[in-house]
Amino acid sequence: MPIAMHASIPQIQSAIKFGGDGSARVQFDVPATELPELLKLMAYAPGKVLRLSVEVVPDA
């Protein structure tokens, strides 16, 4: 069940954080129009490994 939504990485220094073990954490800003998809993600994926694919949407 693919879950797709529009989001952006905020223009703040802490949006992408690197851990001492080589892992990273990425923060996304998700508009209110994407709430249904975000709720699906919250219900379906806690604690699960996700495969992410990013596509830049021109002029969005």
N, C-alpha and C. Protein backbone atom coordinates (compact mmCIF):
# COMPACT_ATOMS: atom_id res chain seq x y z
N MET A 1 0.85 -1.18 0.00
CA MET A 1 0.00 0.00 0.00
C MET A 1 0.89 1.24 0.00
N PRO A 2 1.15 1.82 -1.15
CA PRO A 2 1.97 3.04 -1.20
C PRO A 2 1.24 4.22 -0.56
N ILE A 3 1.99 5.03 0.13
CA ILE A 3 1.49 6.28 0.72
C ILE A 3 2.32 7.40 0.11
N ALA A 4 1.67 8.34 -0.54
CA ALA A 4 2.38 9.44 -1.20
C ALA A 4 1.82 10.77 -0.73
N MET A 5 2.68 11.74 -0.55
CA MET A 5 2.23 13.07 -0.12
C MET A 5 3.27 14.10 -0.53
N HIS A 6 2.84 15.34 -0.58
CA HIS A 6 3.76 16.45 -0.80
C HIS A 6 4.30 16.90 0.55
N ALA A 7 5.58 17.22 0.58
CA ALA A 7 6.22 17.72 1.80
C ALA A 7 7.46 18.49 1.39
N SER A 8 8.01 19.21 2.33
CA SER A 8 9.25 19.93 2.07
C SER A 8 10.15 19.80 3.29
N ILE A 9 11.44 19.95 3.05
CA ILE A 9 12.40 19.98 4.15
C ILE A 9 12.52 21.44 4.57
N PRO A 10 12.27 21.76 5.82
CA PRO A 10 12.32 23.16 6.24
C PRO A 10 13.73 23.75 6.08
N GLN A 11 13.77 25.03 5.82
CA GLN A 11 15.04 25.71 5.62
C GLN A 11 15.63 26.14 6.97
N ILE A 12 15.88 25.14 7.80
CA ILE A 12 16.52 25.37 9.10
C ILE A 12 17.71 24.41 9.20
N GLN A 13 18.69 24.81 9.96
CA GLN A 13 19.92 24.04 10.06
C GLN A 13 19.68 22.66 10.65
N SER A 14 18.71 22.51 11.52
CA SER A 14 18.48 21.24 12.20
C SER A 14 17.51 20.32 11.45
N ALA A 15 17.16 20.62 10.20
CA ALA A 15 16.22 19.79 9.46
C ALA A 15 16.78 18.40 9.18
N ILE A 16 18.09 18.30 9.00
CA ILE A 16 18.75 17.01 8.81
C ILE A 16 19.81 16.88 9.89
N LYS A 17 19.66 15.87 10.72
CA LYS A 17 20.56 15.68 11.86
C LYS A 17 21.30 14.36 11.68
N PHE A 18 22.58 14.36 11.99
CA PHE A 18 23.40 13.15 11.88
C PHE A 18 23.75 12.65 13.27
N GLY A 19 23.61 11.35 13.48
CA GLY A 19 23.91 10.74 14.76
C GLY A 19 25.34 10.25 14.81
N GLY A 20 25.83 10.01 15.98
CA GLY A 20 27.19 9.53 16.17
C GLY A 20 27.42 8.14 15.61
N ASP A 21 26.36 7.39 15.42
CA ASP A 21 26.48 6.03 14.89
C ASP A 21 26.38 5.99 13.36
N GLY A 22 26.36 7.17 12.71
CA GLY A 22 26.27 7.22 11.25
C GLY A 22 24.85 7.29 10.71
N SER A 23 23.87 7.21 11.59
CA SER A 23 22.48 7.33 11.14
C SER A 23 22.11 8.80 10.97
N ALA A 24 20.94 9.06 10.43
CA ALA A 24 20.48 10.43 10.23
C ALA A 24 18.98 10.51 10.49
N ARG A 25 18.53 11.70 10.79
CA ARG A 25 17.11 11.98 11.01
C ARG A 25 16.74 13.17 10.14
N VAL A 26 15.65 13.05 9.38
CA VAL A 26 15.22 14.11 8.47
C VAL A 26 13.85 14.60 8.91
N GLN A 27 13.68 15.90 8.95
CA GLN A 27 12.41 16.52 9.33
C GLN A 27 11.71 17.01 8.06
N PHE A 28 10.40 16.79 7.97
CA PHE A 28 9.61 17.25 6.83
C PHE A 28 8.49 18.16 7.31
N ASP A 29 8.17 19.18 6.53
CA ASP A 29 6.97 19.99 6.74
C ASP A 29 5.92 19.45 5.78
N VAL A 30 4.76 19.09 6.33
CA VAL A 30 3.68 18.50 5.54
C VAL A 30 2.48 19.44 5.62
N PRO A 31 1.96 19.90 4.46
CA PRO A 31 0.81 20.81 4.50
C PRO A 31 -0.46 20.11 4.97
N ALA A 32 -1.39 20.89 5.48
CA ALA A 32 -2.65 20.35 6.01
C ALA A 32 -3.43 19.57 4.96
N THR A 33 -3.26 19.90 3.69
CA THR A 33 -3.97 19.18 2.63
C THR A 33 -3.54 17.72 2.54
N GLU A 34 -2.39 17.39 3.11
CA GLU A 34 -1.87 16.02 3.06
C GLU A 34 -2.19 15.22 4.32
N LEU A 35 -3.03 15.77 5.18
CA LEU A 35 -3.35 15.12 6.45
C LEU A 35 -3.87 13.69 6.29
N PRO A 36 -4.77 13.40 5.33
CA PRO A 36 -5.23 12.01 5.19
C PRO A 36 -4.09 11.02 4.94
N GLU A 37 -3.14 11.38 4.09
CA GLU A 37 -2.02 10.49 3.81
C GLU A 37 -1.09 10.38 5.02
N LEU A 38 -0.91 11.49 5.71
CA LEU A 38 -0.07 11.48 6.91
C LEU A 38 -0.66 10.59 7.98
N LEU A 39 -1.97 10.62 8.13
CA LEU A 39 -2.64 9.75 9.11
C LEU A 39 -2.47 8.28 8.74
N LYS A 40 -2.53 7.97 7.44
CA LYS A 40 -2.27 6.59 7.00
C LYS A 40 -0.86 6.15 7.40
N LEU A 41 0.09 7.04 7.20
CA LEU A 41 1.48 6.73 7.54
C LEU A 41 1.61 6.48 9.04
N MET A 42 0.98 7.30 9.84
CA MET A 42 1.05 7.16 11.29
C MET A 42 0.41 5.85 11.75
N ALA A 43 -0.68 5.44 11.11
CA ALA A 43 -1.38 4.22 11.51
C ALA A 43 -0.68 2.97 11.01
N TYR A 44 -0.09 3.04 9.85
CA TYR A 44 0.44 1.86 9.18
C TYR A 44 1.89 1.56 9.52
N ALA A 45 2.70 2.59 9.76
CA ALA A 45 4.14 2.38 9.73
C ALA A 45 4.92 2.57 11.02
N PRO A 46 4.34 2.81 12.17
CA PRO A 46 5.19 3.01 13.35
C PRO A 46 6.10 1.80 13.61
N GLY A 47 7.37 2.06 13.77
CA GLY A 47 8.32 1.01 14.08
C GLY A 47 8.74 0.17 12.89
N LYS A 48 8.22 0.44 11.70
CA LYS A 48 8.56 -0.35 10.52
C LYS A 48 9.61 0.37 9.68
N VAL A 49 10.38 -0.40 8.95
CA VAL A 49 11.36 0.16 8.03
C VAL A 49 10.63 0.61 6.78
N LEU A 50 10.93 1.83 6.33
CA LEU A 50 10.29 2.40 5.14
C LEU A 50 11.30 2.55 4.02
N ARG A 51 10.84 2.42 2.79
CA ARG A 51 11.67 2.75 1.63
C ARG A 51 11.15 4.09 1.11
N LEU A 52 12.00 5.10 1.11
CA LEU A 52 11.59 6.42 0.68
C LEU A 52 12.13 6.74 -0.70
N SER A 53 11.34 7.41 -1.48
CA SER A 53 11.73 7.88 -2.79
C SER A 53 11.35 9.36 -2.86
N VAL A 54 12.25 10.20 -3.31
CA VAL A 54 11.99 11.64 -3.33
C VAL A 54 11.99 12.13 -4.77
N GLU A 55 10.98 12.91 -5.10
CA GLU A 55 10.86 13.53 -6.43
C GLU A 55 10.63 15.01 -6.20
N VAL A 56 11.46 15.85 -6.81
CA VAL A 56 11.27 17.29 -6.68
C VAL A 56 10.16 17.71 -7.64
N VAL A 57 9.16 18.41 -7.11
CA VAL A 57 8.04 18.87 -7.91
C VAL A 57 8.37 20.29 -8.38
N PRO A 58 8.54 20.48 -9.69
CA PRO A 58 8.89 21.81 -10.17
C PRO A 58 7.75 22.82 -10.00
N ASP A 59 8.11 24.00 -9.57
CA ASP A 59 7.17 25.12 -9.45
C ASP A 59 5.97 24.80 -8.57
N ALA A 60 6.18 24.04 -7.52
CA ALA A 60 5.07 23.70 -6.62
C ALA A 60 4.97 24.70 -5.51
